[in-house]
PDB file of N, CA and C in Angstrom:
ATOM      1  N   MET A   1     -27.951  11.419  72.335  1.00  0.00           N
ATOM      2  CA  MET A   1     -29.643  12.061  72.384  1.00  0.00           C
ATOM      3  C   MET A   1     -28.560  13.651  72.878  1.00  0.00           C
ATOM      4  N   GLN A   2     -28.946  14.838  71.647  1.00  0.00           N
ATOM      5  CA  GLN A   2     -28.777  15.861  71.577  1.00  0.00           C
ATOM      6  C   GLN A   2     -29.454  16.747  72.478  1.00  0.00           C
ATOM      7  N   ARG A   3     -28.830  17.737  73.877  1.00  0.00           N
ATOM      8  CA  ARG A   3     -29.790  18.495  74.566  1.00  0.00           C
ATOM      9  C   ARG A   3     -30.806  19.705  74.093  1.00  0.00           C
ATOM     10  N   LEU A   4     -31.752  19.541  74.335  1.00  0.00           N
ATOM     11  CA  LEU A   4     -32.367  21.006  73.666  1.00  0.00           C
ATOM     12  C   LEU A   4     -32.932  21.583  75.079  1.00  0.00           C
ATOM     13  N   PHE A   5     -32.618  23.147  74.697  1.00  0.00           N
ATOM     14  CA  PHE A   5     -33.615  24.042  74.901  1.00  0.00           C
ATOM     15  C   PHE A   5     -34.413  24.540  74.987  1.00  0.00           C
ATOM     16  N   SER A   6     -35.023  25.559  76.012  1.00  0.00           N
ATOM     17  CA  SER A   6     -36.594  25.741  75.930  1.00  0.00           C
ATOM     18  C   SER A   6     -36.487  27.297  76.407  1.00  0.00           C
ATOM     19  N   ILE A   7     -37.612  27.791  75.235  1.00  0.00           N
ATOM     20  CA  ILE A   7     -38.156  29.120  75.778  1.00  0.00           C
ATOM     21  C   ILE A   7     -39.296  29.219  76.331  1.00  0.00           C
ATOM     22  N   ILE A   8     -39.883  29.320  77.184  1.00  0.00           N
ATOM     23  CA  ILE A   8     -41.192  29.602  78.055  1.00  0.00           C
ATOM     24  C   ILE A   8     -41.819  30.512  76.994  1.00  0.00           C
ATOM     25  N   LEU A   9     -42.885  30.416  76.493  1.00  0.00           N
ATOM     26  CA  LEU A   9     -43.947  31.684  76.137  1.00  0.00           C
ATOM     27  C   LEU A   9     -45.321  31.333  76.836  1.00  0.00           C
ATOM     28  N   LYS A  10     -45.589  32.224  78.041  1.00  0.00           N
ATOM     29  CA  LYS A  10     -46.353  32.055  78.660  1.00  0.00           C
ATOM     30  C   LYS A  10     -47.231  30.505  79.034  1.00  0.00           C
ATOM     31  N   ALA A  11     -47.962  29.869  78.367  1.00  0.00           N
ATOM     32  CA  ALA A  11     -48.356  29.143  78.649  1.00  0.00           C
ATOM     33  C   ALA A  11     -48.098  27.554  77.913  1.00  0.00           C
ATOM     34  N   MET A  12     -46.786  28.571  76.508  1.00  0.00           N
ATOM     35  CA  MET A  12     -46.505  27.729  75.557  1.00  0.00           C
ATOM     36  C   MET A  12     -45.056  27.558  75.726  1.00  0.00           C
ATOM     37  N   GLU A  13     -44.745  26.121  75.761  1.00  0.00           N
ATOM     38  CA  GLU A  13     -43.171  25.753  75.710  1.00  0.00           C
ATOM     39  C   GLU A  13     -42.759  25.114  74.397  1.00  0.00           C
ATOM     40  N   LEU A  14     -41.091  26.129  73.858  1.00  0.00           N
ATOM     41  CA  LEU A  14     -40.934  25.507  72.580  1.00  0.00           C
ATOM     42  C   LEU A  14     -39.690  24.451  72.877  1.00  0.00           C
ATOM     43  N   HIS A  15     -38.725  23.810  72.538  1.00  0.00           N
ATOM     44  CA  HIS A  15     -37.775  23.447  72.063  1.00  0.00           C
ATOM     45  C   HIS A  15     -37.198  23.429  70.942  1.00  0.00           C
ATOM     46  N   PHE A  16     -36.005  24.459  71.116  1.00  0.00           N
ATOM     47  CA  PHE A  16     -34.868  24.016  69.922  1.00  0.00           C
ATOM     48  C   PHE A  16     -33.616  23.673  70.408  1.00  0.00           C
ATOM     49  N   THR A  17     -32.968  23.411  69.022  1.00  0.00           N
ATOM     50  CA  THR A  17     -31.429  22.485  69.686  1.00  0.00           C
ATOM     51  C   THR A  17     -30.499  23.992  69.756  1.00  0.00           C
ATOM     52  N   PRO A  18     -29.661  23.485  70.281  1.00  0.00           N
ATOM     53  CA  PRO A  18     -28.129  24.673  70.927  1.00  0.00           C
ATOM     54  C   PRO A  18     -28.306  25.240  69.745  1.00  0.00           C
ATOM     55  N   GLU A  19     -28.212  25.105  68.106  1.00  0.00           N
ATOM     56  CA  GLU A  19     -28.012  25.872  67.075  1.00  0.00           C
ATOM     57  C   GLU A  19     -28.777  26.572  66.696  1.00  0.00           C
ATOM     58  N   GLN A  20     -30.047  26.296  67.070  1.00  0.00           N
ATOM     59  CA  GLN A  20     -31.597  27.127  67.000  1.00  0.00           C
ATOM     60  C   GLN A  20     -30.949  28.418  67.796  1.00  0.00           C
ATOM     61  N   GLU A  21     -31.567  27.699  69.670  1.00  0.00           N
ATOM     62  CA  GLU A  21     -30.964  28.481  70.356  1.00  0.00           C
ATOM     63  C   GLU A  21     -30.087  30.287  70.104  1.00  0.00           C
ATOM     64  N   ALA A  22     -28.832  29.982  69.382  1.00  0.00           N
ATOM     65  CA  ALA A  22     -27.634  30.171  69.352  1.00  0.00           C
ATOM     66  C   ALA A  22     -28.099  31.232  67.518  1.00  0.00           C
ATOM     67  N   GLN A  23     -28.591  30.706  67.203  1.00  0.00           N
ATOM     68  CA  GLN A  23     -29.259  31.411  66.234  1.00  0.00           C
ATOM     69  C   GLN A  23     -29.913  32.754  66.673  1.00  0.00           C
ATOM     70  N   LEU A  24     -31.404  32.087  67.117  1.00  0.00           N
ATOM     71  CA  LEU A  24     -31.884  33.449  67.999  1.00  0.00           C
ATOM     72  C   LEU A  24     -30.766  34.346  68.959  1.00  0.00           C
ATOM     73  N   ALA A  25     -30.544  33.681  69.621  1.00  0.00           N
ATOM     74  CA  ALA A  25     -29.860  35.255  70.162  1.00  0.00           C
ATOM     75  C   ALA A  25     -29.030  35.948  70.037  1.00  0.00           C
ATOM     76  N   GLN A  26     -28.329  35.231  68.663  1.00  0.00           N
ATOM     77  CA  GLN A  26     -27.641  36.416  67.482  1.00  0.00           C
ATOM     78  C   GLN A  26     -28.617  37.007  66.936  1.00  0.00           C
ATOM     79  N   ILE A  27     -29.886  36.687  66.548  1.00  0.00           N
ATOM     80  CA  ILE A  27     -30.552  37.666  65.795  1.00  0.00           C
ATOM     81  C   ILE A  27     -31.243  38.582  66.833  1.00  0.00           C
ATOM     82  N   ALA A  28     -31.690  38.198  67.549  1.00  0.00           N
ATOM     83  CA  ALA A  28     -32.182  39.056  68.928  1.00  0.00           C
ATOM     84  C   ALA A  28     -31.515  40.710  69.375  1.00  0.00           C
ATOM     85  N   THR A  29     -29.949  40.038  69.077  1.00  0.00           N
ATOM     86  CA  THR A  29     -28.927  40.915  69.901  1.00  0.00           C
ATOM     87  C   THR A  29     -28.871  41.734  68.785  1.00  0.00           C
ATOM     88  N   GLN A  30     -29.005  41.435  67.365  1.00  0.00           N
ATOM     89  CA  GLN A  30     -28.987  42.294  66.372  1.00  0.00           C
ATOM     90  C   GLN A  30     -29.743  43.661  65.869  1.00  0.00           C
ATOM     91  N   GLU A  31     -30.879  43.022  66.780  1.00  0.00           N
ATOM     92  CA  GLU A  31     -32.363  43.674  66.433  1.00  0.00           C
ATOM     93  C   GLU A  31     -32.503  44.113  67.479  1.00  0.00           C
ATOM     94  N   GLY A  32     -31.449  43.996  68.889  1.00  0.00           N
ATOM     95  CA  GLY A  32     -31.637  44.639  70.261  1.00  0.00           C
ATOM     96  C   GLY A  32     -32.804  44.602  70.488  1.00  0.00           C
ATOM     97  N   THR A  33     -33.273  42.946  70.448  1.00  0.00           N
ATOM     98  CA  THR A  33     -34.554  42.416  71.477  1.00  0.00           C
ATOM     99  C   THR A  33     -34.007  41.304  72.428  1.00  0.00           C
ATOM    100  N   ASP A  34     -35.063  40.601  72.793  1.00  0.00           N
ATOM    101  CA  ASP A  34     -34.642  39.246  74.153  1.00  0.00           C
ATOM    102  C   ASP A  34     -34.725  38.042  72.331  1.00  0.00           C
ATOM    103  N   ALA A  35     -34.302  36.633  72.652  1.00  0.00           N
ATOM    104  CA  ALA A  35     -35.229  35.678  71.982  1.00  0.00           C
ATOM    105  C   ALA A  35     -36.648  35.487  72.338  1.00  0.00           C
ATOM    106  N   GLU A  36     -36.520  35.285  73.273  1.00  0.00           N
ATOM    107  CA  GLU A  36     -38.706  35.694  74.013  1.00  0.00           C
ATOM    108  C   GLU A  36     -39.097  36.513  72.843  1.00  0.00           C
ATOM    109  N   ARG A  37     -38.935  37.872  72.933  1.00  0.00           N
ATOM    110  CA  ARG A  37     -39.653  38.251  71.702  1.00  0.00           C
ATOM    111  C   ARG A  37     -39.347  38.469  70.537  1.00  0.00           C
ATOM    112  N   LEU A  38     -38.333  37.542  70.247  1.00  0.00           N
ATOM    113  CA  LEU A  38     -38.364  37.848  68.451  1.00  0.00           C
ATOM    114  C   LEU A  38     -38.884  36.388  68.254  1.00  0.00           C
ATOM    115  N   VAL A  39     -39.037  35.402  69.343  1.00  0.00           N
ATOM    116  CA  VAL A  39     -39.941  34.545  68.746  1.00  0.00           C
ATOM    117  C   VAL A  39     -41.683  34.549  68.980  1.00  0.00           C
ATOM    118  N   LYS A  40     -42.052  35.203  70.037  1.00  0.00           N
ATOM    119  CA  LYS A  40     -42.947  35.864  69.829  1.00  0.00           C
ATOM    120  C   LYS A  40     -43.595  36.885  68.996  1.00  0.00           C
ATOM    121  N   ASP A  41     -42.308  37.484  68.787  1.00  0.00           N
ATOM    122  CA  ASP A  41     -43.163  38.569  67.692  1.00  0.00           C
ATOM    123  C   ASP A  41     -43.376  37.367  66.036  1.00  0.00           C
ATOM    124  N   ALA A  42     -41.896  37.005  65.800  1.00  0.00           N
ATOM    125  CA  ALA A  42     -42.019  35.662  64.605  1.00  0.00           C
ATOM    126  C   ALA A  42     -43.702  34.920  64.102  1.00  0.00           C
ATOM    127  N   ALA A  43     -43.792  34.446  65.843  1.00  0.00           N
ATOM    128  CA  ALA A  43     -45.498  33.857  65.950  1.00  0.00           C
ATOM    129  C   ALA A  43     -46.663  34.690  65.406  1.00  0.00           C
ATOM    130  N   LEU A  44     -46.575  36.022  66.122  1.00  0.00           N
ATOM    131  CA  LEU A  44     -47.274  36.883  65.864  1.00  0.00           C
ATOM    132  C   LEU A  44     -47.581  37.036  64.049  1.00  0.00           C
ATOM    133  N   ARG A  45     -46.608  37.145  63.609  1.00  0.00           N
ATOM    134  CA  ARG A  45     -46.264  37.327  62.330  1.00  0.00           C
ATOM    135  C   ARG A  45     -46.856  36.560  61.678  1.00  0.00           C
ATOM    136  N   LEU A  46     -46.469  35.195  61.488  1.00  0.00           N
ATOM    137  CA  LEU A  46     -46.875  34.104  60.873  1.00  0.00           C
ATOM    138  C   LEU A  46     -48.656  34.128  60.815  1.00  0.00           C
ATOM    139  N   LEU A  47     -49.327  34.258  62.349  1.00  0.00           N
ATOM    140  CA  LEU A  47     -51.129  34.333  62.402  1.00  0.00           C
ATOM    141  C   LEU A  47     -51.018  35.183  61.304  1.00  0.00           C
ATOM    142  N   GLU A  48     -50.895  36.289  61.886  1.00  0.00           N
ATOM    143  CA  GLU A  48     -51.313  37.468  60.717  1.00  0.00           C
ATOM    144  C   GLU A  48     -51.056  36.839  59.032  1.00  0.00           C
ATOM    145  N   GLU A  49     -50.637  36.731  58.726  1.00  0.00           N
ATOM    146  CA  GLU A  49     -50.442  36.237  57.501  1.00  0.00           C
ATOM    147  C   GLU A  49     -50.343  35.326  57.147  1.00  0.00           C
ATOM    148  N   ASP A  50     -51.061  33.942  58.300  1.00  0.00           N
ATOM    149  CA  ASP A  50     -51.951  33.030  57.771  1.00  0.00           C
ATOM    150  C   ASP A  50     -53.449  33.097  57.899  1.00  0.00           C
ATOM    151  N   ALA A  51     -53.665  34.379  58.640  1.00  0.00           N
ATOM    152  CA  ALA A  51     -55.098  34.968  58.532  1.00  0.00           C
ATOM    153  C   ALA A  51     -55.467  36.198  56.821  1.00  0.00           C
ATOM    154  N   CYS A  52     -54.855  36.345  56.936  1.00  0.00           N
ATOM    155  CA  CYS A  52     -54.364  37.021  55.067  1.00  0.00           C
ATOM    156  C   CYS A  52     -54.333  35.473  54.036  1.00  0.00           C
ATOM    157  N   PHE A  53     -53.841  35.138  54.362  1.00  0.00           N
ATOM    158  CA  PHE A  53     -53.890  34.009  53.454  1.00  0.00           C
ATOM    159  C   PHE A  53     -55.234  33.033  53.565  1.00  0.00           C
ATOM    160  N   ARG A  54     -55.555  32.983  54.235  1.00  0.00           N
ATOM    161  CA  ARG A  54     -56.966  32.380  54.494  1.00  0.00           C
ATOM    162  C   ARG A  54     -58.555  33.059  53.876  1.00  0.00           C
ATOM    163  N   ALA A  55     -57.370  34.497  54.159  1.00  0.00           N
ATOM    164  CA  ALA A  55     -59.211  35.395  53.908  1.00  0.00           C
ATOM    165  C   ALA A  55     -58.802  35.490  52.135  1.00  0.00           C
ATOM    166  N   ALA A  56     -58.047  35.143  51.815  1.00  0.00           N
ATOM    167  CA  ALA A  56     -57.732  35.178  50.401  1.00  0.00           C
ATOM    168  C   ALA A  56     -57.906  34.321  49.601  1.00  0.00           C
ATOM    169  N   VAL A  57     -58.150  33.325  50.213  1.00  0.00           N
ATOM    170  CA  VAL A  57     -59.094  32.104  49.650  1.00  0.00           C
ATOM    171  C   VAL A  57     -59.694  32.031  49.926  1.00  0.00           C
ATOM    172  N   ARG A  58     -60.307  32.034  50.999  1.00  0.00           N
ATOM    173  CA  ARG A  58     -62.234  32.539  51.102  1.00  0.00           C
ATOM    174  C   ARG A  58     -62.534  33.031  49.923  1.00  0.00           C
ATOM    175  N   GLU A  59     -61.560  34.190  49.817  1.00  0.00           N
ATOM    176  CA  GLU A  59     -62.111  35.377  48.455  1.00  0.00           C
ATOM    177  C   GLU A  59     -61.913  34.206  47.148  1.00  0.00           C
ATOM    178  N   GLY A  60     -61.333  33.491  47.093  1.00  0.00           N
ATOM    179  CA  GLY A  60     -60.931  33.097  46.113  1.00  0.00           C
ATOM    180  C   GLY A  60     -61.725  32.473  45.220  1.00  0.00           C
ATOM    181  N   ILE A  61     -62.194  31.265  46.369  1.00  0.00           N
ATOM    182  CA  ILE A  61     -63.089  30.792  46.088  1.00  0.00           C
ATOM    183  C   ILE A  61     -64.775  30.906  46.340  1.00  0.00           C
ATOM    184  N   ALA A  62     -64.856  32.044  46.762  1.00  0.00           N
ATOM    185  CA  ALA A  62     -66.392  32.562  46.147  1.00  0.00           C
ATOM    186  C   ALA A  62     -66.191  33.224  45.364  1.00  0.00           C
ATOM    187  N   GLN A  63     -65.054  33.878  44.260  1.00  0.00           N
ATOM    188  CA  GLN A  63     -65.321  34.319  43.220  1.00  0.00           C
ATOM    189  C   GLN A  63     -65.216  33.187  42.566  1.00  0.00           C
ATOM    190  N   ALA A  64     -64.824  31.960  42.750  1.00  0.00           N
ATOM    191  CA  ALA A  64     -65.068  30.913  41.699  1.00  0.00           C
ATOM    192  C   ALA A  64     -66.397  30.468  41.791  1.00  0.00           C
ATOM    193  N   ASP A  65     -66.514  30.036  42.551  1.00  0.00           N
ATOM    194  CA  ASP A  65     -68.405  29.678  42.846  1.00  0.00           C
ATOM    195  C   ASP A  65     -69.253  31.077  42.437  1.00  0.00           C
ATOM    196  N   ARG A  66     -68.552  32.340  41.990  1.00  0.00           N
ATOM    197  CA  ARG A  66     -69.468  32.774  41.429  1.00  0.00           C
ATOM    198  C   ARG A  66     -69.668  32.851  39.682  1.00  0.00           C
ATOM    199  N   GLY A  67     -68.564  32.152  39.214  1.00  0.00           N
ATOM    200  CA  GLY A  67     -67.980  32.194  38.148  1.00  0.00           C
ATOM    201  C   GLY A  67     -67.208  33.024  37.939  1.00  0.00           C
ATOM    202  N   GLU A  68     -66.415  33.654  38.360  1.00  0.00           N
ATOM    203  CA  GLU A  68     -65.439  34.845  38.043  1.00  0.00           C
ATOM    204  C   GLU A  68     -63.995  34.142  38.004  1.00  0.00           C
ATOM    205  N   PHE A  69     -63.595  33.577  37.390  1.00  0.00           N
ATOM    206  CA  PHE A  69     -62.491  32.985  37.057  1.00  0.00           C
ATOM    207  C   PHE A  69     -62.245  33.369  35.887  1.00  0.00           C
ATOM    208  N   ILE A  70     -60.643  33.271  35.473  1.00  0.00           N
ATOM    209  CA  ILE A  70     -59.774  32.910  34.427  1.00  0.00           C
ATOM    210  C   ILE A  70     -59.332  32.312  33.569  1.00  0.00           C
ATOM    211  N   GLU A  71     -59.481  32.296  32.382  1.00  0.00           N
ATOM    212  CA  GLU A  71     -58.540  30.753  31.894  1.00  0.00           C
ATOM    213  C   GLU A  71     -57.489  30.532  32.146  1.00  0.00           C
ATOM    214  N   GLU A  72     -56.951  29.208  31.838  1.00  0.00           N
ATOM    215  CA  GLU A  72     -55.486  29.251  32.146  1.00  0.00           C
ATOM    216  C   GLU A  72     -54.612  29.729  31.516  1.00  0.00           C
ATOM    217  N   THR A  73     -55.258  29.793  30.098  1.00  0.00           N
ATOM    218  CA  THR A  73     -53.954  30.718  29.308  1.00  0.00           C
ATOM    219  C   THR A  73     -53.480  32.237  29.859  1.00  0.00           C
ATOM    220  N   GLU A  74     -54.733  32.439  30.360  1.00  0.00           N
ATOM    221  CA  GLU A  74     -54.504  34.588  30.884  1.00  0.00           C
ATOM    222  C   GLU A  74     -54.332  34.235  31.927  1.00  0.00           C
ATOM    223  N   MET A  75     -53.675  33.246  32.797  1.00  0.00           N
ATOM    224  CA  MET A  75     -53.250  32.819  33.703  1.00  0.00           C
ATOM    225  C   MET A  75     -51.659  33.097  33.900  1.00  0.00           C
ATOM    226  N   ASP A  76     -51.774  32.002  33.126  1.00  0.00           N
ATOM    227  CA  ASP A  76     -49.727  31.705  32.851  1.00  0.00           C
ATOM    228  C   ASP A  76     -49.163  32.516  32.290  1.00  0.00           C
ATOM    229  N   ALA A  77     -50.287  33.151  31.267  1.00  0.00           N
ATOM    230  CA  ALA A  77     -49.813  35.009  31.292  1.00  0.00           C
ATOM    231  C   ALA A  77     -49.319  36.031  32.217  1.00  0.00           C
ATOM    232  N   ARG A  78     -50.342  36.019  33.247  1.00  0.00           N
ATOM    233  CA  ARG A  78     -50.526  36.755  33.731  1.00  0.00           C
ATOM    234  C   ARG A  78     -49.251  36.723  35.026  1.00  0.00           C
ATOM    235  N   LEU A  79     -48.631  35.056  35.108  1.00  0.00           N
ATOM    236  CA  LEU A  79     -47.666  34.607  36.214  1.00  0.00           C
ATOM    237  C   LEU A  79     -46.296  34.622  35.105  1.00  0.00           C
ATOM    238  N   GLU A  80     -46.425  34.870  33.887  1.00  0.00           N
ATOM    239  CA  GLU A  80     -45.109  35.261  33.183  1.00  0.00           C
ATOM    240  C   GLU A  80     -44.848  36.355  33.547  1.00  0.00           C
ATOM    241  N   GLN A  81     -46.061  37.833  33.453  1.00  0.00           N
ATOM    242  CA  GLN A  81     -45.487  38.277  33.533  1.00  0.00           C
ATOM    243  C   GLN A  81     -44.795  39.353  34.620  1.00  0.00           C
ATOM    244  N   MET A  82     -45.916  38.403  36.010  1.00  0.00           N
ATOM    245  CA  MET A  82     -45.135  38.536  37.180  1.00  0.00           C
ATOM    246  C   MET A  82     -43.297  38.275  37.452  1.00  0.00           C
ATOM    247  N   LEU A  83     -43.680  37.100  37.130  1.00  0.00           N
ATOM    248  CA  LEU A  83     -42.002  36.615  37.201  1.00  0.00           C
ATOM    249  C   LEU A  83     -40.758  37.916  36.431  1.00  0.00           C
ATOM    250  N   ARG A  84     -41.045  38.157  35.226  1.00  0.00           N
ATOM    251  CA  ARG A  84     -40.543  39.140  34.568  1.00  0.00           C
ATOM    252  C   ARG A  84     -39.933  40.215  34.717  1.00  0.00           C
ATOM    253  N   SER A  85     -40.959  40.860  35.892  1.00  0.00           N
ATOM    254  CA  SER A  85     -41.079  41.650  36.646  1.00  0.00           C
ATOM    255  C   SER A  85     -40.077  42.208  38.202  1.00  0.00           C
TER     256      SER A  85
END
């Protein structure tokens, strides 16, 4: 069985493989920080992005409930334009 390493973040413990720990250490060194700070910052960014995503989904649902939506063909055209940009 492969041995797992841990980074303890206050009341939370995360387990990484030796390869993952080496990757985290390398990135942390490049960024001039330590692995614990790197993981904490990444987790906080994830929480912020998740909150923004959920708010956008709630707004989209509210708009749909109000009848504010576009037809599929218009959405396809918008997506095509975004992909070309």
